[in-house]
């Protein structure tokens, strides 16, 4: 549709002098071939609120108005300590910076564990935006962040509540079918030369474990 091979072409069509990183996700206008936005926290909220006429029949409301203050309050520490926290640890250039990120990451995962011990999802019995935000990191945790980014207090598979919660989401329509573990590993291990100069991609962990019963129905 766009007639381009690389996303960089859309960025440069938007601004020929652009010298930043060509990041995903990005929304590209199919008529102009230009990037509309790459503000990913806003993109997902806009898809939930501004694009409702294009939602599949029966699609859940991931950002219900009455829950937005509580969802936003959860999203903030999850972003800083978990979504971005793994990167702070993985790309730290000092022991202290790494230790701070590592500590904040697992402290947040511990807080979320407590919440999920009495709740199927982070907002009770319905999946919302905040579950999706957390899932994107959890689904990469054992394959990438535990070893590659040195986030190794425990594997996700060694945290029973979070592991069952993550499998519950993975086995829900709209989650697991979007995950390509081979691509995830090839991307991280083959593009971070300063962390993995040999570019060797690990074989495990096996994706089949994500299909094990989760017991959270």
C-alpha atoms as a PDB file:
ATOM      1  CA  UNK A   1       0.000   0.000   0.000  1.00  0.00           C
ATOM      2  CA  UNK A   2       2.756   2.446   0.938  1.00  0.00           C
ATOM      3  CA  UNK A   3       5.199   1.292  -1.703  1.00  0.00           C
ATOM      4  CA  UNK A   4       8.156   1.503   0.668  1.00  0.00           C
ATOM      5  CA  UNK A   5      10.570  -1.145   1.897  1.00  0.00           C
ATOM      6  CA  UNK A   6      11.858   0.462   5.083  1.00  0.00           C
ATOM      7  CA  UNK A   7      10.114   2.521   7.749  1.00  0.00           C
ATOM      8  CA  UNK A   8      12.929   5.062   7.481  1.00  0.00           C
ATOM      9  CA  UNK A   9      11.458   6.092   4.138  1.00  0.00           C
ATOM     10  CA  UNK A  10       8.253   7.229   5.847  1.00  0.00           C
ATOM     11  CA  UNK A  11      10.218   9.205   8.440  1.00  0.00           C
ATOM     12  CA  UNK A  12      12.284  10.898   5.754  1.00  0.00           C
ATOM     13  CA  UNK A  13       9.177  11.633   3.695  1.00  0.00           C
ATOM     14  CA  UNK A  14       7.861  13.471   6.744  1.00  0.00           C
ATOM     15  CA  UNK A  15      11.123  15.335   7.380  1.00  0.00           C
ATOM     16  CA  UNK A  16      14.006  14.944   4.905  1.00  0.00           C
ATOM     17  CA  UNK A  17      16.389  16.347   7.536  1.00  0.00           C
ATOM     18  CA  UNK A  18      15.353  13.884  10.249  1.00  0.00           C
ATOM     19  CA  UNK A  19      18.418  12.434  12.019  1.00  0.00           C
ATOM     20  CA  UNK A  20      16.762  10.602  14.922  1.00  0.00           C
ATOM     21  CA  UNK A  21      15.980   6.925  15.315  1.00  0.00           C
ATOM     22  CA  UNK A  22      13.362   5.253  13.126  1.00  0.00           C
ATOM     23  CA  UNK A  23      11.241   3.769  15.898  1.00  0.00           C
ATOM     24  CA  UNK A  24       8.158   1.584  16.057  1.00  0.00           C
ATOM     25  CA  UNK A  25       5.295   1.649  16.540  1.00  0.00           C
ATOM     26  CA  UNK A  26       4.474   4.440  14.158  1.00  0.00           C
ATOM     27  CA  UNK A  27       1.267   5.420  12.397  1.00  0.00           C
ATOM     28  CA  UNK A  28       1.803   6.223   8.721  1.00  0.00           C
ATOM     29  CA  UNK A  29      -0.755   7.977   6.524  1.00  0.00           C
ATOM     30  CA  UNK A  30      -1.291   5.667   3.503  1.00  0.00           C
ATOM     31  CA  UNK A  31      -2.198   8.632   1.302  1.00  0.00           C
ATOM     32  CA  UNK A  32       0.880  10.763   1.969  1.00  0.00           C
ATOM     33  CA  UNK A  33       3.328   8.084   3.131  1.00  0.00           C
ATOM     34  CA  UNK A  34       4.264  10.295   6.068  1.00  0.00           C
ATOM     35  CA  UNK A  35       4.509   9.414   9.757  1.00  0.00           C
ATOM     36  CA  UNK A  36       1.555  10.796  11.678  1.00  0.00           C
ATOM     37  CA  UNK A  37       2.895   9.917  15.123  1.00  0.00           C
ATOM     38  CA  UNK A  38       5.266   7.565  16.923  1.00  0.00           C
ATOM     39  CA  UNK A  39       4.031   8.512  20.399  1.00  0.00           C
ATOM     40  CA  UNK A  40       3.263   4.917  21.363  1.00  0.00           C
ATOM     41  CA  UNK A  41       1.611   5.585  24.754  1.00  0.00           C
ATOM     42  CA  UNK A  42      -0.812   7.920  23.006  1.00  0.00           C
ATOM     43  CA  UNK A  43      -1.298   5.638  19.994  1.00  0.00           C
ATOM     44  CA  UNK A  44      -2.796   2.834  22.070  1.00  0.00           C
ATOM     45  CA  UNK A  45      -5.106   5.191  23.919  1.00  0.00           C
ATOM     46  CA  UNK A  46      -6.241   6.758  20.648  1.00  0.00           C
ATOM     47  CA  UNK A  47      -6.965   3.318  19.204  1.00  0.00           C
ATOM     48  CA  UNK A  48      -9.185   2.660  22.228  1.00  0.00           C
ATOM     49  CA  UNK A  49     -11.003   5.992  22.220  1.00  0.00           C
ATOM     50  CA  UNK A  50     -10.853   7.669  18.803  1.00  0.00           C
ATOM     51  CA  UNK A  51     -11.106   4.600  16.560  1.00  0.00           C
ATOM     52  CA  UNK A  52     -14.007   2.785  18.199  1.00  0.00           C
ATOM     53  CA  UNK A  53     -16.008   2.607  14.974  1.00  0.00           C
ATOM     54  CA  UNK A  54     -13.322   0.279  13.622  1.00  0.00           C
ATOM     55  CA  UNK A  55     -13.300  -2.077  16.620  1.00  0.00           C
ATOM     56  CA  UNK A  56     -14.395  -5.664  16.086  1.00  0.00           C
ATOM     57  CA  UNK A  57     -17.871  -6.524  17.273  1.00  0.00           C
ATOM     58  CA  UNK A  58     -17.789  -7.340  20.965  1.00  0.00           C
ATOM     59  CA  UNK A  59     -14.299  -5.883  21.464  1.00  0.00           C
ATOM     60  CA  UNK A  60     -13.714  -4.878  25.106  1.00  0.00           C
ATOM     61  CA  UNK A  61     -13.437  -1.272  26.204  1.00  0.00           C
ATOM     62  CA  UNK A  62      -9.767  -1.202  27.190  1.00  0.00           C
ATOM     63  CA  UNK A  63      -9.883   2.339  28.562  1.00  0.00           C
ATOM     64  CA  UNK A  64     -13.267   2.785  30.252  1.00  0.00           C
ATOM     65  CA  UNK A  65     -13.828   6.356  31.286  1.00  0.00           C
ATOM     66  CA  UNK A  66     -14.693   5.642  34.915  1.00  0.00           C
ATOM     67  CA  UNK A  67     -11.478   3.655  35.402  1.00  0.00           C
ATOM     68  CA  UNK A  68      -9.094   6.010  33.608  1.00  0.00           C
ATOM     69  CA  UNK A  69      -7.681   7.750  36.700  1.00  0.00           C
ATOM     70  CA  UNK A  70      -6.798   4.405  38.296  1.00  0.00           C
ATOM     71  CA  UNK A  71      -5.498   2.966  35.015  1.00  0.00           C
ATOM     72  CA  UNK A  72      -3.311   6.032  34.452  1.00  0.00           C
ATOM     73  CA  UNK A  73      -1.980   5.800  38.007  1.00  0.00           C
ATOM     74  CA  UNK A  74      -0.931   2.177  37.392  1.00  0.00           C
ATOM     75  CA  UNK A  75       0.498   2.823  33.938  1.00  0.00           C
ATOM     76  CA  UNK A  76       2.912   5.479  35.220  1.00  0.00           C
ATOM     77  CA  UNK A  77       5.046   3.291  37.533  1.00  0.00           C
ATOM     78  CA  UNK A  78       4.740   0.301  35.211  1.00  0.00           C
ATOM     79  CA  UNK A  79       6.212   2.375  32.399  1.00  0.00           C
ATOM     80  CA  UNK A  80       9.086   3.823  34.432  1.00  0.00           C
ATOM     81  CA  UNK A  81       9.972   0.750  36.466  1.00  0.00           C
ATOM     82  CA  UNK A  82       9.026  -2.173  34.193  1.00  0.00           C
ATOM     83  CA  UNK A  83       8.546  -1.235  30.505  1.00  0.00           C
ATOM     84  CA  UNK A  84      11.444   1.222  30.567  1.00  0.00           C
ATOM     85  CA  UNK A  85      13.056  -0.283  33.647  1.00  0.00           C
ATOM     86  CA  UNK A  86      14.393  -3.302  31.783  1.00  0.00           C
ATOM     87  CA  UNK A  87      16.095  -0.940  29.323  1.00  0.00           C
ATOM     88  CA  UNK A  88      17.540   1.165  32.136  1.00  0.00           C
ATOM     89  CA  UNK A  89      19.085  -1.999  33.523  1.00  0.00           C
ATOM     90  CA  UNK A  90      20.172  -3.431  30.194  1.00  0.00           C
ATOM     91  CA  UNK A  91      21.842  -0.283  28.906  1.00  0.00           C
ATOM     92  CA  UNK A  92      23.215   0.973  32.210  1.00  0.00           C
ATOM     93  CA  UNK A  93      26.811   2.165  31.983  1.00  0.00           C
ATOM     94  CA  UNK A  94      27.540   2.082  35.698  1.00  0.00           C
ATOM     95  CA  UNK A  95      26.994  -0.474  38.439  1.00  0.00           C
ATOM     96  CA  UNK A  96      24.949   1.997  40.492  1.00  0.00           C
ATOM     97  CA  UNK A  97      22.621   2.858  37.599  1.00  0.00           C
ATOM     98  CA  UNK A  98      22.096  -0.826  36.880  1.00  0.00           C
ATOM     99  CA  UNK A  99      21.429  -1.604  40.545  1.00  0.00           C
ATOM    100  CA  UNK A 100      18.890   1.219  40.822  1.00  0.00           C
ATOM    101  CA  UNK A 101      16.985   0.042  37.748  1.00  0.00           C
ATOM    102  CA  UNK A 102      17.146  -3.614  38.803  1.00  0.00           C
ATOM    103  CA  UNK A 103      15.846  -2.801  42.291  1.00  0.00           C
ATOM    104  CA  UNK A 104      13.003  -0.620  40.996  1.00  0.00           C
ATOM    105  CA  UNK A 105      12.008  -3.248  38.412  1.00  0.00           C
ATOM    106  CA  UNK A 106      11.614  -6.096  40.869  1.00  0.00           C
ATOM    107  CA  UNK A 107      10.034  -3.893  43.528  1.00  0.00           C
ATOM    108  CA  UNK A 108       7.346  -2.974  40.993  1.00  0.00           C
ATOM    109  CA  UNK A 109       6.866  -6.598  39.941  1.00  0.00           C
ATOM    110  CA  UNK A 110       6.458  -7.513  43.611  1.00  0.00           C
ATOM    111  CA  UNK A 111       3.801  -4.811  44.056  1.00  0.00           C
ATOM    112  CA  UNK A 112       1.956  -6.043  40.977  1.00  0.00           C
ATOM    113  CA  UNK A 113       2.155  -9.602  42.258  1.00  0.00           C
ATOM    114  CA  UNK A 114       0.341  -8.619  45.445  1.00  0.00           C
ATOM    115  CA  UNK A 115      -2.379  -6.917  43.413  1.00  0.00           C
ATOM    116  CA  UNK A 116      -2.811  -9.915  41.123  1.00  0.00           C
ATOM    117  CA  UNK A 117      -3.034 -12.416  43.958  1.00  0.00           C
ATOM    118  CA  UNK A 118      -6.590 -11.219  44.593  1.00  0.00           C
ATOM    119  CA  UNK A 119      -7.523 -10.035  41.099  1.00  0.00           C
ATOM    120  CA  UNK A 120      -7.494 -11.831  37.753  1.00  0.00           C
ATOM    121  CA  UNK A 121      -6.435  -8.680  35.913  1.00  0.00           C
ATOM    122  CA  UNK A 122      -4.908  -5.449  37.139  1.00  0.00           C
ATOM    123  CA  UNK A 123      -8.290  -3.726  37.173  1.00  0.00           C
ATOM    124  CA  UNK A 124     -10.354  -6.610  38.483  1.00  0.00           C
ATOM    125  CA  UNK A 125     -12.249  -8.975  36.200  1.00  0.00           C
ATOM    126  CA  UNK A 126     -11.772  -7.084  32.911  1.00  0.00           C
ATOM    127  CA  UNK A 127      -8.764  -6.654  30.662  1.00  0.00           C
ATOM    128  CA  UNK A 128      -7.774  -3.021  30.237  1.00  0.00           C
ATOM    129  CA  UNK A 129      -5.028  -0.918  28.710  1.00  0.00           C
ATOM    130  CA  UNK A 130      -2.745  -1.428  31.702  1.00  0.00           C
ATOM    131  CA  UNK A 131      -2.731  -5.221  31.236  1.00  0.00           C
ATOM    132  CA  UNK A 132      -1.581  -4.760  27.656  1.00  0.00           C
ATOM    133  CA  UNK A 133       1.164  -2.365  28.747  1.00  0.00           C
ATOM    134  CA  UNK A 134       2.483  -4.891  31.273  1.00  0.00           C
ATOM    135  CA  UNK A 135       2.112  -7.894  28.957  1.00  0.00           C
ATOM    136  CA  UNK A 136       4.467  -6.440  26.345  1.00  0.00           C
ATOM    137  CA  UNK A 137       7.335  -6.620  28.835  1.00  0.00           C
ATOM    138  CA  UNK A 138       6.348  -9.864  30.550  1.00  0.00           C
ATOM    139  CA  UNK A 139       6.127 -11.749  27.255  1.00  0.00           C
ATOM    140  CA  UNK A 140       9.753 -10.801  26.470  1.00  0.00           C
ATOM    141  CA  UNK A 141      11.073 -11.267  29.983  1.00  0.00           C
ATOM    142  CA  UNK A 142      12.515 -14.775  30.004  1.00  0.00           C
ATOM    143  CA  UNK A 143      13.435 -14.763  26.314  1.00  0.00           C
ATOM    144  CA  UNK A 144      15.346 -11.480  26.473  1.00  0.00           C
ATOM    145  CA  UNK A 145      15.355  -9.319  29.575  1.00  0.00           C
ATOM    146  CA  UNK A 146      16.364 -11.955  32.140  1.00  0.00           C
ATOM    147  CA  UNK A 147      19.671 -12.753  30.458  1.00  0.00           C
ATOM    148  CA  UNK A 148      20.344 -10.123  27.802  1.00  0.00           C
ATOM    149  CA  UNK A 149      19.471  -7.181  30.065  1.00  0.00           C
ATOM    150  CA  UNK A 150      20.672  -8.811  33.324  1.00  0.00           C
ATOM    151  CA  UNK A 151      17.224  -8.633  34.965  1.00  0.00           C
ATOM    152  CA  UNK A 152      17.928 -11.923  36.656  1.00  0.00           C
ATOM    153  CA  UNK A 153      16.609 -11.980  40.206  1.00  0.00           C
ATOM    154  CA  UNK A 154      14.104 -14.528  38.925  1.00  0.00           C
ATOM    155  CA  UNK A 155      12.703 -15.602  35.615  1.00  0.00           C
ATOM    156  CA  UNK A 156       9.052 -14.829  34.974  1.00  0.00           C
ATOM    157  CA  UNK A 157       8.475 -18.593  35.065  1.00  0.00           C
ATOM    158  CA  UNK A 158       9.765 -18.547  38.669  1.00  0.00           C
ATOM    159  CA  UNK A 159       7.188 -15.958  39.789  1.00  0.00           C
ATOM    160  CA  UNK A 160       4.003 -18.060  40.058  1.00  0.00           C
ATOM    161  CA  UNK A 161       1.391 -15.292  40.154  1.00  0.00           C
ATOM    162  CA  UNK A 162       2.862 -13.178  37.364  1.00  0.00           C
ATOM    163  CA  UNK A 163       3.649 -16.243  35.256  1.00  0.00           C
ATOM    164  CA  UNK A 164       0.069 -17.526  35.498  1.00  0.00           C
ATOM    165  CA  UNK A 165      -1.278 -14.020  34.789  1.00  0.00           C
ATOM    166  CA  UNK A 166       0.964 -13.665  31.727  1.00  0.00           C
ATOM    167  CA  UNK A 167      -0.102 -17.073  30.393  1.00  0.00           C
ATOM    168  CA  UNK A 168      -3.735 -16.140  30.971  1.00  0.00           C
ATOM    169  CA  UNK A 169      -3.281 -13.089  28.750  1.00  0.00           C
ATOM    170  CA  UNK A 170      -1.201 -14.975  26.177  1.00  0.00           C
ATOM    171  CA  UNK A 171      -3.966 -17.539  25.785  1.00  0.00           C
ATOM    172  CA  UNK A 172      -6.595 -14.798  25.343  1.00  0.00           C
ATOM    173  CA  UNK A 173      -7.617 -13.939  21.786  1.00  0.00           C
ATOM    174  CA  UNK A 174      -5.638 -10.962  20.535  1.00  0.00           C
ATOM    175  CA  UNK A 175      -2.510 -11.642  22.583  1.00  0.00           C
ATOM    176  CA  UNK A 176      -0.641 -14.849  21.795  1.00  0.00           C
ATOM    177  CA  UNK A 177      -1.214 -14.742  18.063  1.00  0.00           C
ATOM    178  CA  UNK A 178       0.631 -11.410  17.907  1.00  0.00           C
ATOM    179  CA  UNK A 179       3.775 -12.829  19.548  1.00  0.00           C
ATOM    180  CA  UNK A 180       6.699 -14.144  17.503  1.00  0.00           C
ATOM    181  CA  UNK A 181       9.365 -15.321  19.958  1.00  0.00           C
ATOM    182  CA  UNK A 182      11.868 -16.055  17.192  1.00  0.00           C
ATOM    183  CA  UNK A 183      11.606 -12.506  15.892  1.00  0.00           C
ATOM    184  CA  UNK A 184      11.806 -11.066  19.412  1.00  0.00           C
ATOM    185  CA  UNK A 185      15.055 -12.903  20.139  1.00  0.00           C
ATOM    186  CA  UNK A 186      16.626 -12.215  16.755  1.00  0.00           C
ATOM    187  CA  UNK A 187      15.867  -8.511  17.116  1.00  0.00           C
ATOM    188  CA  UNK A 188      17.345  -8.031  20.574  1.00  0.00           C
ATOM    189  CA  UNK A 189      20.334 -10.344  20.393  1.00  0.00           C
ATOM    190  CA  UNK A 190      21.370  -9.346  16.877  1.00  0.00           C
ATOM    191  CA  UNK A 191      21.033  -5.552  17.123  1.00  0.00           C
ATOM    192  CA  UNK A 192      22.646  -4.695  20.470  1.00  0.00           C
ATOM    193  CA  UNK A 193      26.308  -5.067  19.550  1.00  0.00           C
ATOM    194  CA  UNK A 194      27.505  -3.401  22.741  1.00  0.00           C
ATOM    195  CA  UNK A 195      25.691  -6.018  24.850  1.00  0.00           C
ATOM    196  CA  UNK A 196      25.961  -9.092  22.608  1.00  0.00           C
ATOM    197  CA  UNK A 197      28.871  -8.543  20.201  1.00  0.00           C
ATOM    198  CA  UNK A 198      28.793 -12.149  18.965  1.00  0.00           C
ATOM    199  CA  UNK A 199      25.127 -11.798  17.932  1.00  0.00           C
ATOM    200  CA  UNK A 200      24.468 -15.370  19.015  1.00  0.00           C
ATOM    201  CA  UNK A 201      20.716 -15.883  19.467  1.00  0.00           C
ATOM    202  CA  UNK A 202      19.662 -18.286  22.249  1.00  0.00           C
ATOM    203  CA  UNK A 203      17.502 -21.243  21.335  1.00  0.00           C
ATOM    204  CA  UNK A 204      15.342 -21.257  24.452  1.00  0.00           C
ATOM    205  CA  UNK A 205      13.126 -20.797  26.295  1.00  0.00           C
ATOM    206  CA  UNK A 206      10.497 -22.907  24.579  1.00  0.00           C
ATOM    207  CA  UNK A 207       7.277 -21.145  23.615  1.00  0.00           C
ATOM    208  CA  UNK A 208       5.164 -24.217  24.439  1.00  0.00           C
ATOM    209  CA  UNK A 209       5.304 -23.323  28.128  1.00  0.00           C
ATOM    210  CA  UNK A 210       3.034 -20.357  27.421  1.00  0.00           C
ATOM    211  CA  UNK A 211       0.223 -22.753  26.563  1.00  0.00           C
ATOM    212  CA  UNK A 212       0.256 -24.556  29.925  1.00  0.00           C
ATOM    213  CA  UNK A 213      -2.953 -24.190  31.988  1.00  0.00           C
ATOM    214  CA  UNK A 214      -2.896 -20.998  34.039  1.00  0.00           C
ATOM    215  CA  UNK A 215      -5.691 -21.670  36.540  1.00  0.00           C
ATOM    216  CA  UNK A 216      -6.924 -18.071  36.588  1.00  0.00           C
ATOM    217  CA  UNK A 217     -10.256 -18.569  34.809  1.00  0.00           C
END
